[in-house]
Amino acid sequence: MATYRFIWLDEKRNFVKSEHIECATDEQAIEIAAHQTGDYKEIEVWDGPRPVCRCGNPNKISKG
C-alpha cells in the first residue's frame, strides 16, 4: 500500500489542512478524495512528488 497525501484547499486555493492516507491504488485514492471535500473548495491527492488528482466540491462551484 502506498501512502497518499490529501491536501484540502479553500476558495482561493490556499492550503487548509492535509492528511496522509494509505491506499492500494490511485483509483482508490481518487475514490476516497471524491467523498472527502467536505466544506472545502478542492482536494488534491499526491503520491510523493507525483500529482494523482484534484477533486472539486460541486457545492462550492464559483459563480461568475
N, C-alpha and C. Protein backbone atom coordinates (compact mmCIF):
# COMPACT_ATOMS: atom_id res chain seq x y z
N MET A 1 0.84 -1.17 0.00
CA MET A 1 0.00 0.00 0.00
C MET A 1 0.89 1.24 0.00
N ALA A 2 0.45 2.22 -0.75
CA ALA A 2 1.16 3.49 -0.80
C ALA A 2 0.49 4.48 0.14
N THR A 3 1.26 5.44 0.62
CA THR A 3 0.72 6.50 1.46
C THR A 3 0.56 7.74 0.60
N TYR A 4 -0.68 8.18 0.46
CA TYR A 4 -1.03 9.35 -0.35
C TYR A 4 -1.24 10.54 0.57
N ARG A 5 -0.87 11.73 0.06
CA ARG A 5 -1.11 12.96 0.81
C ARG A 5 -2.34 13.64 0.23
N PHE A 6 -3.32 13.89 1.09
CA PHE A 6 -4.55 14.59 0.71
C PHE A 6 -4.42 16.01 1.23
N ILE A 7 -4.63 17.00 0.34
CA ILE A 7 -4.48 18.41 0.71
C ILE A 7 -5.79 19.13 0.41
N TRP A 8 -6.40 19.71 1.44
CA TRP A 8 -7.65 20.45 1.28
C TRP A 8 -7.33 21.91 1.00
N LEU A 9 -8.07 22.52 0.04
CA LEU A 9 -7.85 23.90 -0.37
C LEU A 9 -9.14 24.70 -0.23
N ASP A 10 -9.00 25.99 0.09
CA ASP A 10 -10.18 26.85 0.18
C ASP A 10 -10.49 27.48 -1.18
N GLU A 11 -11.44 28.41 -1.20
CA GLU A 11 -11.88 29.03 -2.45
C GLU A 11 -10.77 29.77 -3.19
N LYS A 12 -9.74 30.22 -2.47
CA LYS A 12 -8.61 30.92 -3.09
C LYS A 12 -7.44 29.98 -3.34
N ARG A 13 -7.68 28.67 -3.22
CA ARG A 13 -6.69 27.62 -3.40
C ARG A 13 -5.57 27.70 -2.37
N ASN A 14 -5.89 28.23 -1.19
CA ASN A 14 -4.95 28.26 -0.08
C ASN A 14 -5.02 26.94 0.67
N PHE A 15 -3.87 26.48 1.13
CA PHE A 15 -3.78 25.28 1.94
C PHE A 15 -4.60 25.44 3.22
N VAL A 16 -5.44 24.45 3.53
CA VAL A 16 -6.23 24.48 4.76
C VAL A 16 -5.74 23.39 5.71
N LYS A 17 -5.61 22.16 5.20
CA LYS A 17 -5.14 21.05 6.02
C LYS A 17 -4.66 19.94 5.11
N SER A 18 -3.94 18.99 5.68
CA SER A 18 -3.52 17.81 4.92
C SER A 18 -3.56 16.58 5.82
N GLU A 19 -3.60 15.44 5.16
CA GLU A 19 -3.66 14.16 5.88
C GLU A 19 -3.02 13.11 5.00
N HIS A 20 -2.35 12.15 5.60
CA HIS A 20 -1.79 11.02 4.88
C HIS A 20 -2.72 9.83 5.03
N ILE A 21 -3.06 9.19 3.91
CA ILE A 21 -3.98 8.06 3.91
C ILE A 21 -3.38 6.95 3.05
N GLU A 22 -3.37 5.74 3.58
CA GLU A 22 -2.86 4.60 2.83
C GLU A 22 -3.94 4.08 1.89
N CYS A 23 -3.55 3.86 0.62
CA CYS A 23 -4.46 3.34 -0.39
C CYS A 23 -3.73 2.30 -1.23
N ALA A 24 -4.47 1.33 -1.73
CA ALA A 24 -3.88 0.27 -2.54
C ALA A 24 -3.54 0.74 -3.95
N THR A 25 -4.34 1.66 -4.48
CA THR A 25 -4.16 2.12 -5.86
C THR A 25 -4.50 3.59 -5.99
N ASP A 26 -4.10 4.19 -7.12
CA ASP A 26 -4.50 5.56 -7.41
C ASP A 26 -6.02 5.66 -7.45
N GLU A 27 -6.67 4.67 -8.04
CA GLU A 27 -8.12 4.70 -8.17
C GLU A 27 -8.80 4.74 -6.80
N GLN A 28 -8.27 3.99 -5.85
CA GLN A 28 -8.84 4.01 -4.50
C GLN A 28 -8.63 5.39 -3.87
N ALA A 29 -7.47 6.00 -4.06
CA ALA A 29 -7.20 7.33 -3.52
C ALA A 29 -8.15 8.36 -4.13
N ILE A 30 -8.40 8.26 -5.42
CA ILE A 30 -9.31 9.18 -6.10
C ILE A 30 -10.73 9.01 -5.57
N GLU A 31 -11.15 7.77 -5.38
CA GLU A 31 -12.50 7.50 -4.85
C GLU A 31 -12.66 8.09 -3.45
N ILE A 32 -11.65 7.93 -2.62
CA ILE A 32 -11.71 8.49 -1.27
C ILE A 32 -11.77 10.02 -1.34
N ALA A 33 -10.94 10.61 -2.17
CA ALA A 33 -10.90 12.08 -2.29
C ALA A 33 -12.24 12.63 -2.76
N ALA A 34 -12.89 11.93 -3.66
CA ALA A 34 -14.17 12.41 -4.20
C ALA A 34 -15.23 12.54 -3.11
N HIS A 35 -15.05 11.81 -2.00
CA HIS A 35 -16.02 11.86 -0.90
C HIS A 35 -15.50 12.62 0.32
N GLN A 36 -14.37 13.31 0.18
CA GLN A 36 -13.75 13.96 1.32
C GLN A 36 -13.66 15.48 1.21
N THR A 37 -14.28 16.09 0.21
CA THR A 37 -14.12 17.54 0.05
C THR A 37 -14.74 18.31 1.20
N GLY A 38 -15.83 17.82 1.76
CA GLY A 38 -16.46 18.49 2.90
C GLY A 38 -16.85 19.92 2.57
N ASP A 39 -16.45 20.85 3.42
CA ASP A 39 -16.78 22.27 3.22
C ASP A 39 -15.73 23.01 2.41
N TYR A 40 -14.77 22.28 1.85
CA TYR A 40 -13.67 22.92 1.14
C TYR A 40 -13.90 22.94 -0.36
N LYS A 41 -13.21 23.84 -1.04
CA LYS A 41 -13.36 24.02 -2.49
C LYS A 41 -12.80 22.83 -3.27
N GLU A 42 -11.59 22.39 -2.91
CA GLU A 42 -10.93 21.32 -3.64
C GLU A 42 -10.11 20.46 -2.70
N ILE A 43 -9.76 19.29 -3.19
CA ILE A 43 -8.81 18.43 -2.50
C ILE A 43 -7.85 17.90 -3.55
N GLU A 44 -6.56 17.98 -3.25
CA GLU A 44 -5.53 17.44 -4.13
C GLU A 44 -5.00 16.15 -3.50
N VAL A 45 -4.62 15.20 -4.36
CA VAL A 45 -4.04 13.95 -3.89
C VAL A 45 -2.68 13.78 -4.55
N TRP A 46 -1.69 13.47 -3.73
CA TRP A 46 -0.32 13.30 -4.20
C TRP A 46 0.21 11.95 -3.73
N ASP A 47 0.99 11.31 -4.58
CA ASP A 47 1.75 10.11 -4.23
C ASP A 47 3.22 10.53 -4.26
N GLY A 48 3.73 10.94 -3.12
CA GLY A 48 5.08 11.53 -3.07
C GLY A 48 5.09 12.81 -3.89
N PRO A 49 6.03 12.96 -4.84
CA PRO A 49 6.07 14.17 -5.66
C PRO A 49 5.12 14.12 -6.87
N ARG A 50 4.42 13.00 -7.04
CA ARG A 50 3.57 12.81 -8.22
C ARG A 50 2.12 13.20 -7.93
N PRO A 51 1.59 14.19 -8.68
CA PRO A 51 0.18 14.53 -8.50
C PRO A 51 -0.71 13.40 -9.05
N VAL A 52 -1.73 13.04 -8.30
CA VAL A 52 -2.66 11.98 -8.70
C VAL A 52 -3.96 12.57 -9.22
N CYS A 53 -4.55 13.51 -8.46
CA CYS A 53 -5.80 14.13 -8.91
C CYS A 53 -6.10 15.39 -8.11
N ARG A 54 -7.06 16.13 -8.61
CA ARG A 54 -7.64 17.26 -7.88
C ARG A 54 -9.15 17.10 -8.02
N CYS A 55 -9.85 17.00 -6.91
CA CYS A 55 -11.30 16.86 -6.91
C CYS A 55 -11.93 18.14 -6.42
N GLY A 56 -12.87 18.65 -7.19
CA GLY A 56 -13.59 19.85 -6.78
C GLY A 56 -14.86 19.48 -6.04
N ASN A 57 -15.32 20.40 -5.22
CA ASN A 57 -16.55 20.22 -4.47
C ASN A 57 -17.69 20.79 -5.28
N PRO A 58 -18.65 20.00 -5.73
CA PRO A 58 -19.76 20.51 -6.56
C PRO A 58 -20.62 21.54 -5.83
N ASN A 59 -20.56 21.56 -4.50
CA ASN A 59 -21.32 22.55 -3.72
C ASN A 59 -20.58 23.88 -3.59
N LYS A 60 -19.36 23.95 -4.09
CA LYS A 60 -18.55 25.16 -3.99
C LYS A 60 -18.15 25.68 -5.37
N ILE A 61 -19.00 25.48 -6.37
CA ILE A 61 -18.71 25.95 -7.73
C ILE A 61 -18.73 27.47 -7.76
N SER A 62 -17.67 28.05 -8.36
CA SER A 62 -17.59 29.50 -8.46
C SER A 62 -18.66 30.04 -9.41
N LYS A 63 -19.25 31.13 -9.04
CA LYS A 63 -20.22 31.78 -9.89
C LYS A 63 -19.56 33.02 -10.47
N GLY A 64 -19.67 33.20 -11.76
CA GLY A 64 -19.07 34.38 -12.31
C GLY A 64 -18.63 34.14 -13.65
